[in-house]
Every structure is written in structure tokens, then in C-alpha cells.
N, C-alpha and C. Protein backbone atom coordinates (compact mmCIF):
# COMPACT_ATOMS: atom_id res chain seq x y z
N MET A 1 80.70 28.92 31.73
CA MET A 1 79.49 29.34 31.06
C MET A 1 79.31 30.85 31.30
N SER A 2 79.08 31.59 30.25
CA SER A 2 78.96 33.04 30.37
C SER A 2 77.62 33.42 30.99
N LYS A 3 77.54 34.65 31.47
CA LYS A 3 76.30 35.13 32.08
C LYS A 3 75.15 35.12 31.10
N TYR A 4 75.44 35.43 29.86
CA TYR A 4 74.40 35.45 28.83
C TYR A 4 73.81 34.05 28.64
N VAL A 5 74.66 33.05 28.56
CA VAL A 5 74.20 31.68 28.38
C VAL A 5 73.42 31.22 29.62
N LYS A 6 73.91 31.59 30.79
CA LYS A 6 73.20 31.23 32.03
C LYS A 6 71.81 31.84 32.06
N LYS A 7 71.69 33.08 31.64
CA LYS A 7 70.38 33.73 31.60
C LYS A 7 69.45 33.03 30.61
N LEU A 8 70.00 32.62 29.47
CA LEU A 8 69.20 31.89 28.48
C LEU A 8 68.71 30.56 29.05
N VAL A 9 69.60 29.85 29.72
CA VAL A 9 69.23 28.56 30.31
C VAL A 9 68.18 28.76 31.39
N MET A 10 68.36 29.76 32.23
CA MET A 10 67.38 30.03 33.30
C MET A 10 66.02 30.41 32.71
N ARG A 11 66.02 31.22 31.67
CA ARG A 11 64.77 31.61 31.02
C ARG A 11 64.07 30.39 30.42
N ASP A 12 64.86 29.52 29.81
CA ASP A 12 64.30 28.29 29.23
C ASP A 12 63.71 27.39 30.32
N LEU A 13 64.43 27.23 31.42
CA LEU A 13 63.91 26.42 32.54
C LEU A 13 62.62 27.01 33.09
N THR A 14 62.60 28.30 33.28
CA THR A 14 61.41 28.96 33.81
C THR A 14 60.23 28.78 32.86
N GLU A 15 60.48 28.92 31.58
CA GLU A 15 59.41 28.78 30.59
C GLU A 15 58.88 27.35 30.53
N ARG A 16 59.78 26.38 30.54
CA ARG A 16 59.35 24.98 30.47
C ARG A 16 58.55 24.54 31.70
N LEU A 17 58.94 25.04 32.85
CA LEU A 17 58.35 24.55 34.10
C LEU A 17 57.33 25.49 34.73
N LYS A 18 56.90 26.51 34.01
CA LYS A 18 55.98 27.49 34.62
C LYS A 18 54.60 26.90 34.91
N ASP A 19 54.12 25.96 34.11
CA ASP A 19 52.79 25.38 34.31
C ASP A 19 52.84 24.00 34.97
N VAL A 20 54.00 23.58 35.41
CA VAL A 20 54.17 22.26 35.99
C VAL A 20 53.86 22.31 37.48
N ASP A 21 53.02 21.36 37.95
CA ASP A 21 52.64 21.30 39.37
C ASP A 21 53.51 20.35 40.17
N SER A 22 53.98 19.29 39.53
CA SER A 22 54.75 18.28 40.25
C SER A 22 55.94 17.86 39.42
N VAL A 23 56.98 17.42 40.13
CA VAL A 23 58.21 17.05 39.45
C VAL A 23 58.88 15.92 40.22
N GLY A 24 59.48 15.00 39.47
CA GLY A 24 60.28 13.94 40.07
C GLY A 24 61.74 14.21 39.76
N VAL A 25 62.61 13.87 40.69
CA VAL A 25 64.04 14.13 40.51
C VAL A 25 64.79 12.81 40.63
N ILE A 26 65.66 12.54 39.65
CA ILE A 26 66.49 11.34 39.66
C ILE A 26 67.94 11.73 39.46
N ASN A 27 68.82 10.79 39.77
CA ASN A 27 70.24 10.94 39.48
C ASN A 27 70.54 10.01 38.30
N PRO A 28 70.78 10.56 37.10
CA PRO A 28 70.98 9.72 35.93
C PRO A 28 72.39 9.15 35.80
N ARG A 29 73.24 9.38 36.78
CA ARG A 29 74.62 8.93 36.69
C ARG A 29 74.66 7.40 36.62
N GLY A 30 75.47 6.87 35.74
CA GLY A 30 75.63 5.43 35.61
C GLY A 30 74.71 4.78 34.60
N VAL A 31 73.76 5.55 34.05
CA VAL A 31 72.84 5.01 33.05
C VAL A 31 73.44 5.29 31.68
N ASN A 32 73.64 4.22 30.89
CA ASN A 32 74.28 4.43 29.59
C ASN A 32 73.31 5.10 28.62
N ALA A 33 73.82 5.52 27.50
CA ALA A 33 73.05 6.31 26.54
C ALA A 33 71.86 5.54 25.98
N THR A 34 72.03 4.27 25.70
CA THR A 34 70.94 3.47 25.14
C THR A 34 69.78 3.38 26.12
N LYS A 35 70.07 3.06 27.37
CA LYS A 35 69.01 2.95 28.38
C LYS A 35 68.39 4.32 28.68
N ASN A 36 69.22 5.35 28.60
CA ASN A 36 68.71 6.71 28.80
C ASN A 36 67.69 7.04 27.72
N ASN A 37 68.00 6.73 26.47
CA ASN A 37 67.08 6.99 25.36
C ASN A 37 65.81 6.15 25.48
N GLN A 38 65.94 4.90 25.90
CA GLN A 38 64.77 4.05 26.11
C GLN A 38 63.87 4.62 27.21
N MET A 39 64.52 5.11 28.28
CA MET A 39 63.76 5.70 29.38
C MET A 39 63.03 6.95 28.90
N ARG A 40 63.69 7.79 28.16
CA ARG A 40 63.06 9.00 27.65
C ARG A 40 61.89 8.67 26.71
N ARG A 41 62.05 7.63 25.91
CA ARG A 41 60.97 7.20 25.01
C ARG A 41 59.74 6.76 25.81
N LYS A 42 59.95 5.96 26.85
CA LYS A 42 58.83 5.50 27.68
C LYS A 42 58.16 6.68 28.40
N LEU A 43 58.96 7.60 28.85
CA LEU A 43 58.41 8.79 29.51
C LEU A 43 57.60 9.62 28.52
N ARG A 44 58.11 9.78 27.32
CA ARG A 44 57.43 10.55 26.29
C ARG A 44 56.08 9.92 25.93
N GLN A 45 56.03 8.59 25.88
CA GLN A 45 54.78 7.88 25.58
C GLN A 45 53.75 8.14 26.67
N ALA A 46 54.19 8.36 27.89
CA ALA A 46 53.29 8.64 29.01
C ALA A 46 53.00 10.14 29.15
N GLY A 47 53.52 10.95 28.24
CA GLY A 47 53.27 12.39 28.30
C GLY A 47 54.22 13.13 29.23
N LEU A 48 55.35 12.52 29.54
CA LEU A 48 56.33 13.12 30.44
C LEU A 48 57.61 13.47 29.69
N LYS A 49 58.37 14.35 30.30
CA LYS A 49 59.67 14.74 29.73
C LYS A 49 60.72 14.62 30.81
N MET A 50 61.95 14.41 30.38
CA MET A 50 63.08 14.37 31.31
C MET A 50 64.10 15.39 30.85
N MET A 51 64.60 16.16 31.82
CA MET A 51 65.55 17.22 31.48
C MET A 51 66.66 17.22 32.54
N VAL A 52 67.89 17.10 32.08
CA VAL A 52 69.04 17.20 32.97
C VAL A 52 69.31 18.68 33.21
N VAL A 53 69.48 19.03 34.49
CA VAL A 53 69.64 20.44 34.83
C VAL A 53 70.90 20.67 35.65
N LYS A 54 71.37 21.87 35.56
CA LYS A 54 72.45 22.31 36.45
C LYS A 54 71.77 22.85 37.70
N ASN A 55 72.12 22.28 38.84
CA ASN A 55 71.40 22.57 40.09
C ASN A 55 71.34 24.06 40.43
N SER A 56 72.45 24.74 40.32
CA SER A 56 72.47 26.16 40.71
C SER A 56 71.54 26.98 39.82
N LEU A 57 71.52 26.67 38.52
CA LEU A 57 70.64 27.42 37.61
C LEU A 57 69.18 27.07 37.85
N ALA A 58 68.90 25.82 38.14
CA ALA A 58 67.52 25.41 38.42
C ALA A 58 67.03 26.08 39.69
N LYS A 59 67.86 26.16 40.71
CA LYS A 59 67.47 26.81 41.96
C LYS A 59 67.16 28.28 41.74
N ARG A 60 67.98 28.94 40.94
CA ARG A 60 67.76 30.36 40.66
C ARG A 60 66.54 30.58 39.77
N ALA A 61 66.34 29.71 38.81
CA ALA A 61 65.25 29.90 37.85
C ALA A 61 63.89 29.65 38.48
N LEU A 62 63.82 28.79 39.47
CA LEU A 62 62.53 28.41 40.04
C LEU A 62 62.34 28.91 41.47
N THR A 63 62.86 30.09 41.75
CA THR A 63 62.69 30.65 43.09
C THR A 63 61.25 31.06 43.35
N GLU A 64 60.51 31.33 42.30
CA GLU A 64 59.09 31.69 42.44
C GLU A 64 58.28 30.75 41.56
N GLY A 65 57.02 30.60 41.90
CA GLY A 65 56.14 29.76 41.10
C GLY A 65 55.68 28.54 41.86
N LYS A 66 55.09 27.61 41.13
CA LYS A 66 54.49 26.42 41.73
C LYS A 66 55.53 25.45 42.28
N LEU A 67 56.74 25.48 41.76
CA LEU A 67 57.76 24.53 42.20
C LEU A 67 58.71 25.10 43.25
N LYS A 68 58.34 26.20 43.85
CA LYS A 68 59.19 26.80 44.88
C LYS A 68 59.29 25.85 46.06
N GLY A 69 60.49 25.45 46.40
CA GLY A 69 60.71 24.57 47.54
C GLY A 69 61.24 23.19 47.16
N PHE A 70 61.26 22.86 45.89
CA PHE A 70 61.73 21.53 45.50
C PHE A 70 63.25 21.45 45.44
N GLU A 71 63.93 22.56 45.66
CA GLU A 71 65.39 22.62 45.55
C GLU A 71 66.08 21.64 46.49
N VAL A 72 65.37 21.20 47.52
CA VAL A 72 65.94 20.26 48.49
C VAL A 72 66.37 18.97 47.80
N LEU A 73 65.68 18.60 46.74
CA LEU A 73 65.97 17.36 46.03
C LEU A 73 67.18 17.47 45.10
N LEU A 74 67.64 18.69 44.86
CA LEU A 74 68.75 18.90 43.93
C LEU A 74 70.08 18.78 44.67
N ASP A 75 70.74 17.64 44.50
CA ASP A 75 72.03 17.40 45.14
C ASP A 75 72.83 16.48 44.23
N GLY A 76 73.84 17.01 43.59
CA GLY A 76 74.60 16.23 42.64
C GLY A 76 73.94 16.26 41.27
N PRO A 77 74.34 15.37 40.37
CA PRO A 77 73.72 15.35 39.04
C PRO A 77 72.22 15.09 39.16
N SER A 78 71.44 15.92 38.50
CA SER A 78 69.99 15.82 38.64
C SER A 78 69.30 15.89 37.28
N ALA A 79 68.24 15.10 37.17
CA ALA A 79 67.37 15.15 36.00
C ALA A 79 65.95 15.27 36.51
N LEU A 80 65.21 16.19 35.92
CA LEU A 80 63.83 16.42 36.32
C LEU A 80 62.90 15.65 35.39
N ILE A 81 61.91 14.99 35.98
CA ILE A 81 60.87 14.32 35.21
C ILE A 81 59.59 15.08 35.49
N TYR A 82 58.96 15.58 34.43
CA TYR A 82 57.78 16.41 34.62
C TYR A 82 56.82 16.23 33.46
N GLY A 83 55.61 16.65 33.68
CA GLY A 83 54.58 16.65 32.64
C GLY A 83 53.54 17.68 33.01
N LYS A 84 53.04 18.39 32.04
CA LYS A 84 52.10 19.48 32.32
C LYS A 84 50.74 18.98 32.79
N LYS A 85 50.27 17.87 32.25
CA LYS A 85 48.94 17.37 32.61
C LYS A 85 49.03 16.01 33.29
N THR A 86 50.12 15.77 34.00
CA THR A 86 50.34 14.48 34.62
C THR A 86 50.40 14.64 36.12
N SER A 87 49.77 13.71 36.84
CA SER A 87 49.76 13.78 38.30
C SER A 87 51.08 13.27 38.87
N ALA A 88 51.32 13.62 40.11
CA ALA A 88 52.55 13.22 40.78
C ALA A 88 52.62 11.71 40.95
N SER A 89 51.48 11.08 41.19
CA SER A 89 51.50 9.63 41.37
C SER A 89 51.87 8.91 40.07
N ALA A 90 51.44 9.44 38.93
CA ALA A 90 51.82 8.85 37.65
C ALA A 90 53.32 8.99 37.42
N ILE A 91 53.87 10.14 37.79
CA ILE A 91 55.32 10.35 37.67
C ILE A 91 56.05 9.36 38.56
N ALA A 92 55.59 9.21 39.81
CA ALA A 92 56.25 8.31 40.75
C ALA A 92 56.17 6.86 40.28
N ARG A 93 55.04 6.45 39.73
CA ARG A 93 54.90 5.07 39.23
C ARG A 93 55.87 4.80 38.09
N LEU A 94 56.01 5.75 37.19
CA LEU A 94 56.95 5.58 36.08
C LEU A 94 58.40 5.57 36.57
N MET A 95 58.68 6.37 37.59
CA MET A 95 60.04 6.38 38.15
C MET A 95 60.36 5.02 38.76
N LEU A 96 59.40 4.44 39.48
CA LEU A 96 59.63 3.12 40.08
C LEU A 96 59.78 2.04 39.01
N ASP A 97 59.00 2.14 37.94
CA ASP A 97 59.13 1.18 36.83
C ASP A 97 60.53 1.27 36.22
N GLN A 98 61.04 2.47 36.05
CA GLN A 98 62.38 2.64 35.48
C GLN A 98 63.45 2.13 36.44
N LYS A 99 63.20 2.27 37.73
CA LYS A 99 64.15 1.77 38.74
C LYS A 99 64.24 0.25 38.66
N LYS A 100 63.11 -0.42 38.38
CA LYS A 100 63.13 -1.88 38.24
C LYS A 100 63.95 -2.30 37.03
N ILE A 101 63.88 -1.52 35.97
CA ILE A 101 64.61 -1.83 34.73
C ILE A 101 66.10 -1.51 34.90
N GLU A 102 66.40 -0.36 35.49
CA GLU A 102 67.78 0.10 35.63
C GLU A 102 68.12 0.27 37.11
N GLU A 103 68.87 -0.69 37.64
CA GLU A 103 69.19 -0.71 39.08
C GLU A 103 70.07 0.48 39.50
N LYS A 104 70.88 1.00 38.59
CA LYS A 104 71.79 2.09 38.92
C LYS A 104 71.08 3.42 39.11
N LEU A 105 69.84 3.52 38.68
CA LEU A 105 69.10 4.77 38.75
C LEU A 105 68.79 5.12 40.21
N GLU A 106 69.16 6.31 40.61
CA GLU A 106 68.91 6.77 41.98
C GLU A 106 67.69 7.69 41.96
N LEU A 107 66.68 7.34 42.76
CA LEU A 107 65.48 8.16 42.86
C LEU A 107 65.67 9.15 44.00
N ARG A 108 65.68 10.43 43.66
CA ARG A 108 65.89 11.47 44.68
C ARG A 108 64.59 11.81 45.41
N GLY A 109 63.47 11.80 44.67
CA GLY A 109 62.21 12.12 45.31
C GLY A 109 61.23 12.76 44.36
N VAL A 110 60.07 13.13 44.94
CA VAL A 110 58.99 13.76 44.18
C VAL A 110 58.55 14.99 44.94
N TYR A 111 58.17 16.02 44.19
CA TYR A 111 57.67 17.26 44.79
C TYR A 111 56.34 17.60 44.16
N PHE A 112 55.32 17.84 45.00
CA PHE A 112 54.05 18.37 44.52
C PHE A 112 53.28 18.98 45.68
N ASP A 113 52.40 19.92 45.36
CA ASP A 113 51.58 20.62 46.35
C ASP A 113 52.40 21.20 47.50
N GLY A 114 53.59 21.66 47.21
CA GLY A 114 54.41 22.29 48.23
C GLY A 114 55.07 21.33 49.20
N GLU A 115 54.98 20.03 48.95
CA GLU A 115 55.58 19.05 49.84
C GLU A 115 56.63 18.24 49.10
N VAL A 116 57.70 17.92 49.82
CA VAL A 116 58.80 17.14 49.27
C VAL A 116 58.70 15.72 49.83
N TYR A 117 58.77 14.74 48.95
CA TYR A 117 58.80 13.33 49.34
C TYR A 117 60.15 12.78 48.91
N PRO A 118 61.14 12.81 49.82
CA PRO A 118 62.51 12.47 49.43
C PRO A 118 62.77 10.97 49.34
N GLY A 119 63.70 10.63 48.48
CA GLY A 119 64.20 9.28 48.36
C GLY A 119 63.23 8.30 47.72
N GLU A 120 63.69 7.05 47.66
CA GLU A 120 62.87 6.00 47.06
C GLU A 120 61.62 5.74 47.90
N LYS A 121 61.74 5.91 49.20
CA LYS A 121 60.58 5.72 50.09
C LYS A 121 59.51 6.76 49.79
N GLY A 122 59.91 7.99 49.58
CA GLY A 122 58.96 9.05 49.24
C GLY A 122 58.29 8.80 47.90
N VAL A 123 59.07 8.30 46.94
CA VAL A 123 58.51 8.00 45.61
C VAL A 123 57.49 6.87 45.74
N THR A 124 57.77 5.87 46.57
CA THR A 124 56.84 4.76 46.79
C THR A 124 55.55 5.25 47.42
N ILE A 125 55.65 6.15 48.38
CA ILE A 125 54.46 6.71 49.03
C ILE A 125 53.59 7.45 48.01
N VAL A 126 54.21 8.28 47.21
CA VAL A 126 53.46 9.05 46.21
C VAL A 126 52.85 8.14 45.14
N SER A 127 53.54 7.06 44.79
CA SER A 127 53.03 6.16 43.75
C SER A 127 51.74 5.48 44.19
N LYS A 128 51.51 5.36 45.48
CA LYS A 128 50.30 4.70 45.98
C LYS A 128 49.09 5.64 46.04
N LEU A 129 49.33 6.92 45.85
CA LEU A 129 48.23 7.89 45.82
C LEU A 129 47.46 7.74 44.52
N PRO A 130 46.15 8.05 44.55
CA PRO A 130 45.39 7.95 43.29
C PRO A 130 45.76 9.08 42.33
N THR A 131 45.68 8.77 41.04
CA THR A 131 45.89 9.82 40.04
C THR A 131 44.66 10.71 40.02
N ARG A 132 44.73 11.79 39.30
CA ARG A 132 43.60 12.71 39.23
C ARG A 132 42.35 12.01 38.70
N GLU A 133 42.53 11.21 37.65
CA GLU A 133 41.40 10.50 37.05
C GLU A 133 40.80 9.48 38.02
N GLU A 134 41.67 8.77 38.76
CA GLU A 134 41.19 7.79 39.73
C GLU A 134 40.43 8.48 40.86
N ALA A 135 40.93 9.61 41.32
CA ALA A 135 40.26 10.35 42.39
C ALA A 135 38.90 10.87 41.92
N LEU A 136 38.84 11.40 40.70
CA LEU A 136 37.56 11.90 40.18
C LEU A 136 36.54 10.77 40.01
N SER A 137 36.99 9.61 39.54
CA SER A 137 36.06 8.49 39.38
C SER A 137 35.56 8.02 40.74
N GLY A 138 36.40 8.07 41.76
CA GLY A 138 35.97 7.71 43.11
C GLY A 138 34.93 8.68 43.64
N ILE A 139 35.11 9.96 43.37
CA ILE A 139 34.15 10.97 43.81
C ILE A 139 32.82 10.79 43.10
N VAL A 140 32.87 10.58 41.79
CA VAL A 140 31.63 10.37 41.03
C VAL A 140 30.90 9.13 41.51
N ALA A 141 31.64 8.06 41.79
CA ALA A 141 31.02 6.83 42.29
C ALA A 141 30.36 7.07 43.64
N ALA A 142 31.02 7.84 44.51
CA ALA A 142 30.45 8.13 45.82
C ALA A 142 29.18 8.98 45.70
N ILE A 143 29.18 9.90 44.75
CA ILE A 143 28.01 10.75 44.55
C ILE A 143 26.85 9.94 43.98
N LEU A 144 27.14 9.05 43.04
CA LEU A 144 26.09 8.30 42.37
C LEU A 144 25.58 7.10 43.16
N SER A 145 26.33 6.61 44.13
CA SER A 145 25.92 5.38 44.80
C SER A 145 24.60 5.49 45.55
N PRO A 146 24.27 6.58 46.26
CA PRO A 146 22.95 6.65 46.90
C PRO A 146 21.82 6.62 45.87
N GLY A 147 21.99 7.31 44.77
CA GLY A 147 20.97 7.31 43.71
C GLY A 147 20.81 5.93 43.10
N ARG A 148 21.93 5.24 42.92
CA ARG A 148 21.88 3.89 42.36
C ARG A 148 21.15 2.95 43.32
N LYS A 149 21.43 3.09 44.62
CA LYS A 149 20.75 2.25 45.61
C LYS A 149 19.25 2.54 45.62
N LEU A 150 18.90 3.82 45.59
CA LEU A 150 17.48 4.20 45.58
C LEU A 150 16.80 3.67 44.32
N GLY A 151 17.47 3.79 43.18
CA GLY A 151 16.92 3.27 41.94
C GLY A 151 16.73 1.76 42.01
N GLY A 152 17.69 1.07 42.62
CA GLY A 152 17.57 -0.38 42.77
C GLY A 152 16.41 -0.75 43.67
N ILE A 153 16.22 -0.01 44.74
CA ILE A 153 15.10 -0.27 45.65
C ILE A 153 13.79 -0.04 44.94
N LEU A 154 13.69 1.10 44.26
CA LEU A 154 12.44 1.40 43.56
C LEU A 154 12.17 0.39 42.45
N LYS A 155 13.21 0.02 41.73
CA LYS A 155 13.04 -0.96 40.67
C LYS A 155 12.63 -2.31 41.25
N GLY A 156 13.24 -2.69 42.35
CA GLY A 156 12.89 -3.96 43.00
C GLY A 156 11.46 -3.96 43.50
N GLN A 157 11.06 -2.87 44.15
CA GLN A 157 9.69 -2.78 44.67
C GLN A 157 8.69 -2.71 43.53
N ALA A 158 9.05 -1.98 42.48
CA ALA A 158 8.15 -1.88 41.33
C ALA A 158 8.00 -3.24 40.66
N GLY A 159 9.06 -4.01 40.61
CA GLY A 159 9.00 -5.35 40.05
C GLY A 159 8.09 -6.25 40.86
N LYS A 160 8.19 -6.13 42.17
CA LYS A 160 7.32 -6.93 43.03
C LYS A 160 5.86 -6.54 42.83
N MET A 161 5.62 -5.24 42.77
CA MET A 161 4.23 -4.76 42.56
C MET A 161 3.70 -5.23 41.21
N ALA A 162 4.52 -5.20 40.19
CA ALA A 162 4.10 -5.64 38.86
C ALA A 162 3.76 -7.13 38.87
N ALA A 163 4.56 -7.91 39.59
CA ALA A 163 4.30 -9.36 39.68
C ALA A 163 2.98 -9.62 40.40
N ILE A 164 2.73 -8.86 41.48
CA ILE A 164 1.48 -9.03 42.23
C ILE A 164 0.28 -8.65 41.36
N LEU A 165 0.39 -7.52 40.65
CA LEU A 165 -0.70 -7.08 39.78
C LEU A 165 -0.95 -8.08 38.65
N LYS A 166 0.09 -8.65 38.12
CA LYS A 166 -0.06 -9.64 37.06
C LYS A 166 -0.78 -10.89 37.59
N THR A 167 -0.42 -11.30 38.79
CA THR A 167 -1.07 -12.47 39.41
C THR A 167 -2.54 -12.19 39.65
N VAL A 168 -2.84 -10.98 40.16
CA VAL A 168 -4.24 -10.60 40.41
C VAL A 168 -5.01 -10.58 39.10
N GLU A 169 -4.41 -10.05 38.05
CA GLU A 169 -5.06 -9.97 36.75
C GLU A 169 -5.33 -11.37 36.20
N GLU A 170 -4.36 -12.27 36.31
CA GLU A 170 -4.54 -13.63 35.82
C GLU A 170 -5.66 -14.34 36.57
N LYS A 171 -5.73 -14.15 37.90
CA LYS A 171 -6.79 -14.77 38.69
C LYS A 171 -8.15 -14.20 38.32
N ALA A 172 -8.19 -12.90 38.04
CA ALA A 172 -9.45 -12.28 37.64
C ALA A 172 -9.91 -12.85 36.30
N LYS A 173 -8.99 -13.05 35.37
CA LYS A 173 -9.35 -13.63 34.07
C LYS A 173 -9.84 -15.07 34.25
N GLU A 174 -9.21 -15.82 35.15
CA GLU A 174 -9.64 -17.18 35.41
C GLU A 174 -11.07 -17.21 35.96
N LYS A 175 -11.38 -16.28 36.88
CA LYS A 175 -12.72 -16.22 37.45
C LYS A 175 -13.74 -15.83 36.40
N GLU A 176 -13.36 -14.89 35.53
CA GLU A 176 -14.27 -14.46 34.47
C GLU A 176 -14.55 -15.61 33.51
N SER A 177 -13.52 -16.36 33.15
CA SER A 177 -13.74 -17.47 32.22
C SER A 177 -14.46 -18.63 32.92
N ALA A 178 -14.27 -18.79 34.21
CA ALA A 178 -14.95 -19.86 34.96
C ALA A 178 -16.42 -19.49 35.19
N ALA A 179 -16.76 -18.23 35.38
CA ALA A 179 -18.14 -17.82 35.65
C ALA A 179 -19.05 -18.06 34.44
N PRO A 180 -18.70 -17.71 33.20
CA PRO A 180 -19.58 -18.04 32.07
C PRO A 180 -19.69 -19.54 31.84
N ALA A 181 -18.63 -20.25 32.11
CA ALA A 181 -18.67 -21.72 31.93
C ALA A 181 -19.62 -22.32 32.98
N ALA A 182 -19.64 -21.81 34.20
CA ALA A 182 -20.52 -22.31 35.25
C ALA A 182 -21.97 -21.93 34.95
N ALA A 183 -22.20 -20.76 34.39
CA ALA A 183 -23.56 -20.32 34.07
C ALA A 183 -24.11 -21.14 32.90
N ALA A 184 -23.26 -21.49 31.97
CA ALA A 184 -23.71 -22.27 30.81
C ALA A 184 -23.94 -23.73 31.18
N ALA A 185 -23.32 -24.28 32.16
CA ALA A 185 -23.45 -25.66 32.55
C ALA A 185 -24.83 -26.01 33.12
N PRO A 186 -25.51 -25.25 33.98
CA PRO A 186 -26.81 -25.68 34.51
C PRO A 186 -27.92 -25.65 33.47
N THR A 187 -27.89 -24.90 32.44
CA THR A 187 -28.94 -24.86 31.44
C THR A 187 -28.89 -26.08 30.52
N ALA A 188 -27.83 -26.69 30.47
CA ALA A 188 -27.74 -27.84 29.56
C ALA A 188 -28.20 -29.10 30.15
């Protein structure tokens, strides 16, 4: 490969991965073309892409940026799984799903937030982490739960007070209707 072509490939890699925060690395060796295309289709449906890279060019292209340090996972034939708006746990979950379908697939690991999670064990650990959406919903639930409890208490107490007032009102109406009936009875 000429220097010009290498520079083009490195520029393309840098451009594609400049906004990517997390990446999964697999060894696609042994996966036939049909299963490879099926895997790429499933990844695309989830908003992910897969790209086979030459390790030396990937290491040179990504020496700076958010993915600095993931080079540890590049050993032998490598394919990167990435998505611009996808969390690392979503990538890891999809990698594990593909591993169940294709036994020959070797999971090298996942990289995000400056940390490397090597091997299938690392991918399993990352897959158990909440996605961004799950984490945000947990935070919102934690913030809203005291207000919900207070609202429930106030609603419960207000309901009790309303029931008491209704009972008092009904008894007052009974006394009012009983008093004219009692006053009318002695004159007759």
C-alpha cells in the first residue's frame, strides 16, 4: 500500500471516528460473508457500524482524540463496532447477541471513557451497565420520588379530610331535617 493510500485511509478513519466515544473490537475471522452481512444489517438497525481496519493504520490515525488508548484491543484481524449516539453498553449487548448467533466470533473487548474492558468477560461487564437512557430515567425517578411520596401523602390526607367533612355535613343535614319534623310533631 502506497503512502498516499495509507494517508487517505488514516484520514478516513480519523474522520469517521472523531465523534465516537466508545468502540467494540471483534475478530471477524471465520465468519462467512452471509453471516457477516446479516451481522452488519443488525448493527445498522441498531444505529451501529462495523469497519474492518488495519491495526497499524488505526493506531496511527487515533493517537489523539476520544479513543486514545484503545489500541490495546488491536491484535490480529480487527473490526471496530461503533456508533455516534450509542452507549458502550448497547454496543456490548449487541456484540454478545452476535456471539450467541456466531460461535466463531471472537470478542476482543470494549473501550469507553478511557478504560479498556478486554475479552468476552469485559464485554459482559459492560453489557450489564445501564445505557444512557436507562441511567437518565433512573435519575429522573430518583428526583421525582420524594415529590410523588409527598403528593401521595397530601392526597391521602386530603381524602380523609374530605370524607370527614362529608360525614359532618350529612349529619348536619340529618339534624336540620329532624329538627323541623320534631317541631311540627307537638303542634299536631
